[in-house]
Amino acid sequence: MTEQGPVEYFRTRADAATEAGYEPRYLHVERDLLGLNLEPGLVLRPVFGRNMTLSFVSMKPNSVAPVHQHPQEQIGTVIDGSYEFELGGEKKVVRKGDVYVVPPNVPHGAVTHEEGCLVLDVFSPPREAFAELMEQALPELEQAGQPVEGNVWVLPSLRAGDGPAET
């Protein structure tokens, strides 16, 4: 309780309004989201909001997400499996239930060992590189007559000429 009275967590602000053209939706990760195969054994399935991006990242055993950095803040959690996460030069094995916080522009990356993993990453503001990849993938899949939903688009540099990668 504060001096002003109890804090109402589930309150609605008097000035709250929904944004025109921004509709609520439900999605299923594997059925509805396009996967982006960015590295061998690494597929991410982004979900874009106006102010953030969610990314479901699946990594097969012995795969790598190279050390990189970006201006977005990132918070992630391991949903299943484990990987060795490098954050600002420090490496730590993170497992189901572990959470990591990546401030903007801090180098980070991951490596799986004997087991793969499924991770949920949240970015704010939205991760523009993922949107750019989607802009490249969607017309290509549509032109090839492939379904977009639930499909995996393989980054051109990874293609072996035999179609989409397995997830």
N, C-alpha and C. Protein backbone atom coordinates (compact mmCIF):
# COMPACT_ATOMS: atom_id res chain seq x y z
N MET A 1 0.84 -1.18 0.00
CA MET A 1 0.00 0.00 0.00
C MET A 1 0.89 1.25 0.00
N THR A 2 0.54 2.20 -0.82
CA THR A 2 1.26 3.47 -0.86
C THR A 2 0.48 4.52 -0.08
N GLU A 3 1.06 5.70 0.05
CA GLU A 3 0.36 6.79 0.74
C GLU A 3 -0.92 7.16 0.01
N GLN A 4 -0.96 6.90 -1.28
CA GLN A 4 -2.13 7.24 -2.09
C GLN A 4 -3.18 6.14 -2.09
N GLY A 5 -2.88 5.00 -1.50
CA GLY A 5 -3.81 3.88 -1.49
C GLY A 5 -3.20 2.68 -2.17
N PRO A 6 -3.95 1.59 -2.30
CA PRO A 6 -3.41 0.37 -2.90
C PRO A 6 -3.13 0.56 -4.39
N VAL A 7 -2.09 -0.11 -4.86
CA VAL A 7 -1.76 -0.08 -6.28
C VAL A 7 -2.65 -1.08 -6.98
N GLU A 8 -3.30 -0.64 -8.04
CA GLU A 8 -4.17 -1.52 -8.81
C GLU A 8 -3.41 -2.02 -10.03
N TYR A 9 -2.97 -3.26 -9.98
CA TYR A 9 -2.17 -3.81 -11.06
C TYR A 9 -2.98 -3.96 -12.35
N PHE A 10 -4.18 -4.47 -12.24
CA PHE A 10 -5.02 -4.74 -13.42
C PHE A 10 -5.97 -3.58 -13.68
N ARG A 11 -5.44 -2.40 -13.70
CA ARG A 11 -6.29 -1.24 -13.96
C ARG A 11 -6.20 -0.87 -15.44
N THR A 12 -7.17 -0.15 -15.90
CA THR A 12 -7.16 0.39 -17.25
C THR A 12 -7.06 1.90 -17.14
N ARG A 13 -6.08 2.45 -17.82
CA ARG A 13 -5.92 3.90 -17.77
C ARG A 13 -7.09 4.57 -18.46
N ALA A 14 -7.48 5.70 -17.94
CA ALA A 14 -8.60 6.45 -18.50
C ALA A 14 -8.33 6.88 -19.93
N ASP A 15 -7.05 7.13 -20.28
CA ASP A 15 -6.71 7.59 -21.62
C ASP A 15 -6.31 6.45 -22.57
N ALA A 16 -6.53 5.20 -22.15
CA ALA A 16 -6.14 4.05 -22.97
C ALA A 16 -7.00 3.96 -24.23
N ALA A 17 -6.35 3.67 -25.34
CA ALA A 17 -7.06 3.50 -26.61
C ALA A 17 -6.30 2.49 -27.44
N THR A 18 -7.01 1.72 -28.24
CA THR A 18 -6.33 0.78 -29.13
C THR A 18 -5.83 1.53 -30.36
N GLU A 19 -4.74 1.05 -30.92
CA GLU A 19 -4.14 1.68 -32.08
C GLU A 19 -4.83 1.19 -33.34
N ALA A 20 -5.26 2.10 -34.17
CA ALA A 20 -5.95 1.74 -35.42
C ALA A 20 -5.03 0.90 -36.30
N GLY A 21 -5.56 -0.17 -36.86
CA GLY A 21 -4.80 -1.02 -37.77
C GLY A 21 -3.90 -2.03 -37.09
N TYR A 22 -3.89 -2.05 -35.78
CA TYR A 22 -3.04 -2.99 -35.03
C TYR A 22 -3.96 -3.95 -34.30
N GLU A 23 -4.24 -5.07 -34.95
CA GLU A 23 -5.24 -6.01 -34.47
C GLU A 23 -4.62 -7.11 -33.60
N PRO A 24 -5.33 -7.53 -32.56
CA PRO A 24 -4.85 -8.67 -31.77
C PRO A 24 -4.91 -9.94 -32.62
N ARG A 25 -4.07 -10.92 -32.27
CA ARG A 25 -4.04 -12.17 -33.04
C ARG A 25 -3.48 -13.29 -32.18
N TYR A 26 -3.80 -14.50 -32.58
CA TYR A 26 -3.24 -15.71 -31.99
C TYR A 26 -2.43 -16.42 -33.05
N LEU A 27 -1.29 -17.00 -32.64
CA LEU A 27 -0.43 -17.70 -33.59
C LEU A 27 0.09 -18.99 -32.96
N HIS A 28 0.35 -19.98 -33.79
CA HIS A 28 1.01 -21.21 -33.35
C HIS A 28 2.42 -21.17 -33.95
N VAL A 29 3.43 -21.41 -33.11
CA VAL A 29 4.82 -21.22 -33.53
C VAL A 29 5.16 -22.00 -34.79
N GLU A 30 4.98 -23.29 -34.79
CA GLU A 30 5.42 -24.11 -35.93
C GLU A 30 4.47 -24.06 -37.11
N ARG A 31 3.19 -23.86 -36.86
CA ARG A 31 2.22 -23.88 -37.95
C ARG A 31 2.12 -22.52 -38.65
N ASP A 32 2.18 -21.43 -37.90
CA ASP A 32 1.87 -20.12 -38.45
C ASP A 32 3.07 -19.22 -38.74
N LEU A 33 4.21 -19.50 -38.14
CA LEU A 33 5.35 -18.61 -38.28
C LEU A 33 6.38 -19.13 -39.28
N LEU A 34 6.83 -18.26 -40.13
CA LEU A 34 7.88 -18.61 -41.07
C LEU A 34 9.19 -18.73 -40.32
N GLY A 35 9.92 -19.81 -40.55
CA GLY A 35 11.23 -20.00 -39.95
C GLY A 35 12.31 -19.44 -40.86
N LEU A 36 13.32 -18.84 -40.25
CA LEU A 36 14.48 -18.33 -40.99
C LEU A 36 15.69 -19.16 -40.59
N ASN A 37 16.21 -19.95 -41.52
CA ASN A 37 17.39 -20.78 -41.27
C ASN A 37 18.61 -19.91 -41.55
N LEU A 38 19.21 -19.35 -40.49
CA LEU A 38 20.27 -18.36 -40.63
C LEU A 38 21.67 -18.94 -40.54
N GLU A 39 21.82 -20.06 -39.88
CA GLU A 39 23.09 -20.76 -39.73
C GLU A 39 22.76 -22.25 -39.78
N PRO A 40 23.71 -23.12 -40.12
CA PRO A 40 23.41 -24.55 -40.09
C PRO A 40 22.90 -24.97 -38.71
N GLY A 41 21.72 -25.59 -38.69
CA GLY A 41 21.14 -26.08 -37.44
C GLY A 41 20.45 -25.03 -36.60
N LEU A 42 20.32 -23.80 -37.09
CA LEU A 42 19.70 -22.71 -36.33
C LEU A 42 18.55 -22.11 -37.13
N VAL A 43 17.35 -22.20 -36.57
CA VAL A 43 16.16 -21.62 -37.20
C VAL A 43 15.49 -20.71 -36.19
N LEU A 44 15.18 -19.50 -36.62
CA LEU A 44 14.41 -18.62 -35.74
C LEU A 44 13.08 -18.31 -36.40
N ARG A 45 12.08 -18.15 -35.54
CA ARG A 45 10.73 -17.84 -36.00
C ARG A 45 10.27 -16.57 -35.29
N PRO A 46 10.41 -15.42 -35.97
CA PRO A 46 10.08 -14.16 -35.31
C PRO A 46 8.59 -13.83 -35.34
N VAL A 47 8.18 -13.09 -34.33
CA VAL A 47 6.83 -12.53 -34.24
C VAL A 47 7.02 -11.04 -34.01
N PHE A 48 6.43 -10.22 -34.87
CA PHE A 48 6.64 -8.79 -34.80
C PHE A 48 5.45 -8.08 -34.18
N GLY A 49 5.73 -7.26 -33.20
CA GLY A 49 4.77 -6.32 -32.66
C GLY A 49 5.20 -4.93 -33.08
N ARG A 50 4.50 -3.90 -32.62
CA ARG A 50 4.89 -2.54 -32.96
C ARG A 50 6.16 -2.11 -32.23
N ASN A 51 6.32 -2.56 -30.97
CA ASN A 51 7.41 -2.07 -30.14
C ASN A 51 8.39 -3.14 -29.69
N MET A 52 8.18 -4.37 -30.13
CA MET A 52 9.08 -5.45 -29.75
C MET A 52 9.00 -6.58 -30.76
N THR A 53 10.00 -7.46 -30.70
CA THR A 53 10.01 -8.67 -31.51
C THR A 53 10.24 -9.85 -30.57
N LEU A 54 9.45 -10.90 -30.73
CA LEU A 54 9.71 -12.18 -30.08
C LEU A 54 10.37 -13.07 -31.12
N SER A 55 11.29 -13.90 -30.69
CA SER A 55 11.91 -14.82 -31.62
C SER A 55 12.08 -16.18 -30.95
N PHE A 56 11.43 -17.19 -31.52
CA PHE A 56 11.60 -18.56 -31.06
C PHE A 56 12.78 -19.13 -31.83
N VAL A 57 13.84 -19.48 -31.12
CA VAL A 57 15.07 -19.95 -31.75
C VAL A 57 15.27 -21.42 -31.44
N SER A 58 15.36 -22.25 -32.47
CA SER A 58 15.67 -23.66 -32.26
C SER A 58 17.07 -23.93 -32.82
N MET A 59 17.85 -24.62 -32.02
CA MET A 59 19.21 -24.97 -32.43
C MET A 59 19.40 -26.47 -32.26
N LYS A 60 19.88 -27.11 -33.31
CA LYS A 60 20.18 -28.53 -33.23
C LYS A 60 21.49 -28.72 -32.46
N PRO A 61 21.75 -29.96 -32.02
CA PRO A 61 23.04 -30.21 -31.34
C PRO A 61 24.21 -29.78 -32.22
N ASN A 62 25.26 -29.29 -31.57
CA ASN A 62 26.50 -28.89 -32.23
C ASN A 62 26.31 -27.81 -33.30
N SER A 63 25.47 -26.84 -33.00
CA SER A 63 25.29 -25.71 -33.90
C SER A 63 25.73 -24.41 -33.21
N VAL A 64 25.87 -23.37 -34.02
CA VAL A 64 26.46 -22.13 -33.52
C VAL A 64 25.63 -20.92 -33.94
N ALA A 65 25.42 -20.03 -32.99
CA ALA A 65 24.93 -18.68 -33.28
C ALA A 65 26.14 -17.78 -33.05
N PRO A 66 26.78 -17.31 -34.12
CA PRO A 66 28.03 -16.56 -33.97
C PRO A 66 27.89 -15.34 -33.06
N VAL A 67 28.99 -14.98 -32.41
CA VAL A 67 28.99 -13.79 -31.58
C VAL A 67 28.68 -12.58 -32.47
N HIS A 68 27.75 -11.77 -32.00
CA HIS A 68 27.29 -10.60 -32.74
C HIS A 68 26.78 -9.56 -31.75
N GLN A 69 26.41 -8.41 -32.23
CA GLN A 69 25.81 -7.39 -31.37
C GLN A 69 24.84 -6.57 -32.20
N HIS A 70 23.91 -5.91 -31.54
CA HIS A 70 22.89 -5.11 -32.20
C HIS A 70 22.40 -4.03 -31.23
N PRO A 71 21.77 -2.99 -31.74
CA PRO A 71 21.35 -1.89 -30.88
C PRO A 71 20.13 -2.18 -30.02
N GLN A 72 19.43 -3.30 -30.27
CA GLN A 72 18.25 -3.63 -29.49
C GLN A 72 18.65 -4.27 -28.15
N GLU A 73 17.85 -3.99 -27.14
CA GLU A 73 17.97 -4.73 -25.88
C GLU A 73 17.37 -6.12 -26.13
N GLN A 74 17.92 -7.14 -25.52
CA GLN A 74 17.45 -8.51 -25.72
C GLN A 74 17.36 -9.20 -24.37
N ILE A 75 16.24 -9.86 -24.13
CA ILE A 75 16.09 -10.71 -22.95
C ILE A 75 15.64 -12.06 -23.46
N GLY A 76 16.29 -13.14 -22.99
CA GLY A 76 15.96 -14.46 -23.48
C GLY A 76 15.83 -15.47 -22.36
N THR A 77 15.14 -16.56 -22.67
CA THR A 77 15.01 -17.67 -21.73
C THR A 77 15.02 -18.98 -22.49
N VAL A 78 15.61 -19.98 -21.88
CA VAL A 78 15.66 -21.31 -22.47
C VAL A 78 14.36 -22.04 -22.13
N ILE A 79 13.65 -22.48 -23.15
CA ILE A 79 12.39 -23.22 -22.96
C ILE A 79 12.67 -24.71 -22.82
N ASP A 80 13.64 -25.21 -23.58
CA ASP A 80 13.97 -26.63 -23.55
C ASP A 80 15.43 -26.79 -23.96
N GLY A 81 16.12 -27.77 -23.37
CA GLY A 81 17.50 -28.05 -23.72
C GLY A 81 18.46 -27.11 -23.03
N SER A 82 19.61 -26.90 -23.68
CA SER A 82 20.62 -26.00 -23.11
C SER A 82 21.57 -25.56 -24.20
N TYR A 83 22.28 -24.47 -23.92
CA TYR A 83 23.39 -24.07 -24.76
C TYR A 83 24.38 -23.25 -23.96
N GLU A 84 25.57 -23.14 -24.52
CA GLU A 84 26.60 -22.32 -23.90
C GLU A 84 26.43 -20.92 -24.48
N PHE A 85 26.11 -19.98 -23.61
CA PHE A 85 25.84 -18.61 -24.05
C PHE A 85 27.03 -17.74 -23.68
N GLU A 86 27.52 -16.99 -24.64
CA GLU A 86 28.59 -16.04 -24.39
C GLU A 86 27.99 -14.65 -24.35
N LEU A 87 28.21 -13.95 -23.24
CA LEU A 87 27.63 -12.63 -23.03
C LEU A 87 28.72 -11.69 -22.53
N GLY A 88 29.09 -10.73 -23.37
CA GLY A 88 30.12 -9.78 -22.99
C GLY A 88 31.44 -10.44 -22.66
N GLY A 89 31.77 -11.54 -23.37
CA GLY A 89 33.04 -12.24 -23.16
C GLY A 89 32.99 -13.34 -22.12
N GLU A 90 31.89 -13.44 -21.35
CA GLU A 90 31.76 -14.49 -20.33
C GLU A 90 30.87 -15.61 -20.88
N LYS A 91 31.32 -16.86 -20.74
CA LYS A 91 30.55 -18.01 -21.22
C LYS A 91 29.92 -18.73 -20.05
N LYS A 92 28.65 -19.15 -20.24
CA LYS A 92 27.92 -19.88 -19.20
C LYS A 92 26.91 -20.80 -19.88
N VAL A 93 26.78 -22.03 -19.37
CA VAL A 93 25.75 -22.93 -19.88
C VAL A 93 24.42 -22.51 -19.28
N VAL A 94 23.45 -22.22 -20.14
CA VAL A 94 22.11 -21.85 -19.69
C VAL A 94 21.15 -22.97 -20.05
N ARG A 95 20.25 -23.26 -19.12
CA ARG A 95 19.32 -24.38 -19.26
C ARG A 95 17.88 -23.92 -19.10
N LYS A 96 16.96 -24.84 -19.29
CA LYS A 96 15.54 -24.56 -19.15
C LYS A 96 15.29 -23.76 -17.87
N GLY A 97 14.60 -22.64 -18.04
CA GLY A 97 14.27 -21.79 -16.90
C GLY A 97 15.27 -20.67 -16.65
N ASP A 98 16.47 -20.74 -17.25
CA ASP A 98 17.45 -19.67 -17.09
C ASP A 98 17.08 -18.49 -17.99
N VAL A 99 17.42 -17.30 -17.53
CA VAL A 99 17.14 -16.06 -18.27
C VAL A 99 18.44 -15.28 -18.41
N TYR A 100 18.62 -14.62 -19.54
CA TYR A 100 19.78 -13.76 -19.74
C TYR A 100 19.29 -12.40 -20.25
N VAL A 101 20.03 -11.36 -19.89
CA VAL A 101 19.71 -10.00 -20.29
C VAL A 101 20.90 -9.45 -21.07
N VAL A 102 20.65 -9.03 -22.31
CA VAL A 102 21.69 -8.51 -23.19
C VAL A 102 21.41 -7.03 -23.43
N PRO A 103 22.19 -6.14 -22.81
CA PRO A 103 22.02 -4.72 -23.09
C PRO A 103 22.36 -4.41 -24.55
N PRO A 104 21.91 -3.27 -25.06
CA PRO A 104 22.24 -2.90 -26.44
C PRO A 104 23.75 -2.91 -26.69
N ASN A 105 24.12 -3.42 -27.87
CA ASN A 105 25.49 -3.41 -28.38
C ASN A 105 26.49 -4.24 -27.59
N VAL A 106 26.04 -5.16 -26.75
CA VAL A 106 26.94 -6.06 -26.02
C VAL A 106 27.11 -7.34 -26.86
N PRO A 107 28.35 -7.73 -27.17
CA PRO A 107 28.57 -8.95 -27.96
C PRO A 107 28.04 -10.19 -27.24
N HIS A 108 27.38 -11.07 -28.01
CA HIS A 108 26.84 -12.31 -27.46
C HIS A 108 26.68 -13.33 -28.58
N GLY A 109 26.63 -14.60 -28.19
CA GLY A 109 26.46 -15.70 -29.14
C GLY A 109 26.23 -16.98 -28.37
N ALA A 110 26.00 -18.08 -29.08
CA ALA A 110 25.67 -19.34 -28.41
C ALA A 110 26.19 -20.53 -29.21
N VAL A 111 26.43 -21.61 -28.48
CA VAL A 111 26.87 -22.88 -29.07
C VAL A 111 26.12 -23.99 -28.36
N THR A 112 25.53 -24.92 -29.13
CA THR A 112 24.97 -26.11 -28.51
C THR A 112 26.01 -27.21 -28.54
N HIS A 113 25.88 -28.12 -27.60
CA HIS A 113 26.81 -29.25 -27.55
C HIS A 113 26.04 -30.52 -27.89
N GLU A 114 25.92 -31.47 -26.97
CA GLU A 114 25.28 -32.76 -27.27
C GLU A 114 23.77 -32.65 -27.45
N GLU A 115 23.16 -31.63 -26.86
CA GLU A 115 21.71 -31.49 -27.01
C GLU A 115 21.40 -30.16 -27.68
N GLY A 116 20.26 -30.11 -28.32
CA GLY A 116 19.82 -28.87 -28.92
C GLY A 116 19.05 -28.05 -27.91
N CYS A 117 18.39 -27.01 -28.38
CA CYS A 117 17.60 -26.19 -27.47
C CYS A 117 16.53 -25.42 -28.22
N LEU A 118 15.57 -24.95 -27.45
CA LEU A 118 14.55 -24.02 -27.91
C LEU A 118 14.60 -22.85 -26.95
N VAL A 119 14.75 -21.66 -27.52
CA VAL A 119 14.93 -20.44 -26.73
C VAL A 119 13.90 -19.41 -27.19
N LEU A 120 13.47 -18.58 -26.27
CA LEU A 120 12.61 -17.45 -26.61
C LEU A 120 13.39 -16.18 -26.32
N ASP A 121 13.62 -15.37 -27.36
CA ASP A 121 14.29 -14.08 -27.22
C ASP A 121 13.28 -12.97 -27.47
N VAL A 122 13.40 -11.90 -26.69
CA VAL A 122 12.55 -10.72 -26.84
C VAL A 122 13.46 -9.53 -27.12
N PHE A 123 13.12 -8.74 -28.14
CA PHE A 123 13.92 -7.59 -28.53
C PHE A 123 13.07 -6.32 -28.48
N SER A 124 13.67 -5.26 -27.97
CA SER A 124 13.02 -3.96 -28.00
C SER A 124 14.08 -2.90 -28.21
N PRO A 125 13.87 -2.01 -29.17
CA PRO A 125 12.79 -1.98 -30.16
C PRO A 125 12.88 -3.20 -31.08
N PRO A 126 11.92 -3.34 -31.99
CA PRO A 126 11.92 -4.51 -32.88
C PRO A 126 13.24 -4.70 -33.61
N ARG A 127 13.55 -5.95 -33.88
CA ARG A 127 14.82 -6.33 -34.53
C ARG A 127 14.66 -6.15 -36.04
N GLU A 128 15.16 -5.04 -36.58
CA GLU A 128 14.94 -4.71 -37.99
C GLU A 128 15.60 -5.71 -38.93
N ALA A 129 16.70 -6.34 -38.54
CA ALA A 129 17.35 -7.32 -39.42
C ALA A 129 16.42 -8.50 -39.70
N PHE A 130 15.62 -8.91 -38.71
CA PHE A 130 14.69 -10.02 -38.92
C PHE A 130 13.61 -9.60 -39.92
N ALA A 131 13.12 -8.37 -39.79
CA ALA A 131 12.10 -7.87 -40.71
C ALA A 131 12.65 -7.81 -42.13
N GLU A 132 13.91 -7.39 -42.28
CA GLU A 132 14.53 -7.33 -43.61
C GLU A 132 14.64 -8.73 -44.22
N LEU A 133 15.00 -9.72 -43.40
CA LEU A 133 15.08 -11.09 -43.92
C LEU A 133 13.71 -11.60 -44.34
N MET A 134 12.69 -11.25 -43.56
CA MET A 134 11.32 -11.66 -43.92
C MET A 134 10.91 -11.02 -45.24
N GLU A 135 11.28 -9.76 -45.44
CA GLU A 135 10.95 -9.07 -46.69
C GLU A 135 11.62 -9.76 -47.88
N GLN A 136 12.76 -10.37 -47.66
CA GLN A 136 13.46 -11.10 -48.71
C GLN A 136 12.82 -12.47 -48.92
N ALA A 137 12.45 -13.12 -47.82
CA ALA A 137 11.95 -14.50 -47.88
C ALA A 137 10.55 -14.60 -48.46
N LEU A 138 9.64 -13.74 -48.04
CA LEU A 138 8.23 -13.88 -48.42
C LEU A 138 8.00 -13.89 -49.93
N PRO A 139 8.51 -12.92 -50.66
CA PRO A 139 8.27 -12.96 -52.12
C PRO A 139 8.90 -14.18 -52.78
N GLU A 140 10.06 -14.59 -52.28
CA GLU A 140 10.73 -15.75 -52.87
C GLU A 140 9.90 -17.02 -52.68
N LEU A 141 9.37 -17.21 -51.47
CA LEU A 141 8.53 -18.39 -51.21
C LEU A 141 7.25 -18.34 -52.03
N GLU A 142 6.62 -17.17 -52.07
CA GLU A 142 5.38 -17.03 -52.82
C GLU A 142 5.61 -17.26 -54.31
N GLN A 143 6.71 -16.75 -54.85
CA GLN A 143 7.04 -16.94 -56.26
C GLN A 143 7.28 -18.42 -56.57
N ALA A 144 7.87 -19.14 -55.62
CA ALA A 144 8.15 -20.56 -55.81
C ALA A 144 6.90 -21.41 -55.56
N GLY A 145 5.81 -20.77 -55.15
CA GLY A 145 4.57 -21.50 -54.88
C GLY A 145 4.61 -22.29 -53.60
N GLN A 146 5.54 -21.96 -52.71
CA GLN A 146 5.65 -22.65 -51.42
C GLN A 146 4.79 -21.94 -50.38
N PRO A 147 4.19 -22.70 -49.46
CA PRO A 147 3.43 -22.05 -48.40
C PRO A 147 4.39 -21.25 -47.51
N VAL A 148 3.92 -20.14 -47.01
CA VAL A 148 4.73 -19.31 -46.12
C VAL A 148 4.60 -19.82 -44.69
N GLU A 149 3.36 -20.00 -44.25
CA GLU A 149 3.12 -20.42 -42.88
C GLU A 149 3.76 -21.76 -42.59
N GLY A 150 4.53 -21.83 -41.53
CA GLY A 150 5.13 -23.08 -41.09
C GLY A 150 6.32 -23.53 -41.90
N ASN A 151 6.66 -22.83 -42.96
CA ASN A 151 7.78 -23.22 -43.81
C ASN A 151 9.08 -22.67 -43.22
N VAL A 152 10.20 -23.17 -43.70
CA VAL A 152 11.50 -22.66 -43.29
C VAL A 152 12.20 -22.15 -44.54
N TRP A 153 12.58 -20.88 -44.49
CA TRP A 153 13.32 -20.26 -45.58
C TRP A 153 14.80 -20.33 -45.25
N VAL A 154 15.57 -20.85 -46.19
CA VAL A 154 17.00 -21.03 -45.98
C VAL A 154 17.74 -19.82 -46.54
N LEU A 155 18.56 -19.21 -45.71
CA LEU A 155 19.37 -18.07 -46.13
C LEU A 155 20.16 -18.47 -47.37
N PRO A 156 20.16 -17.64 -48.43
CA PRO A 156 20.82 -18.04 -49.68
C PRO A 156 22.24 -18.56 -49.51
N SER A 157 23.01 -18.01 -48.60
CA SER A 157 24.40 -18.47 -48.43
C SER A 157 24.51 -19.89 -47.87
N LEU A 158 23.40 -20.43 -47.33
CA LEU A 158 23.42 -21.78 -46.77
C LEU A 158 22.87 -22.83 -47.72
N ARG A 159 22.31 -22.42 -48.81
CA ARG A 159 21.64 -23.35 -49.70
C ARG A 159 22.60 -24.32 -50.36
N ALA A 160 22.15 -25.59 -50.37
CA ALA A 160 22.93 -26.62 -51.05
C ALA A 160 22.21 -27.03 -52.35
N GLY A 161 21.15 -26.31 -52.67
CA GLY A 161 20.41 -26.60 -53.89
C GLY A 161 19.38 -27.71 -53.73
N ASP A 162 19.13 -28.13 -52.48
CA ASP A 162 18.19 -29.24 -52.29
C ASP A 162 16.95 -28.83 -51.51
N GLY A 163 16.58 -27.56 -51.49
CA GLY A 163 15.33 -27.14 -50.88
C GLY A 163 15.50 -26.73 -49.44
N PRO A 164 14.37 -26.50 -48.76
CA PRO A 164 14.39 -26.01 -47.39
C PRO A 164 15.06 -26.97 -46.41
N ALA A 165 15.66 -26.43 -45.41
CA ALA A 165 16.30 -27.23 -44.37
C ALA A 165 15.25 -27.80 -43.43
N GLU A 166 15.59 -28.88 -42.77
CA GLU A 166 14.71 -29.45 -41.76
C GLU A 166 14.80 -28.62 -40.50
N THR A 167 13.69 -28.59 -39.76
CA THR A 167 13.71 -27.85 -38.48
C THR A 167 13.81 -28.80 -37.33
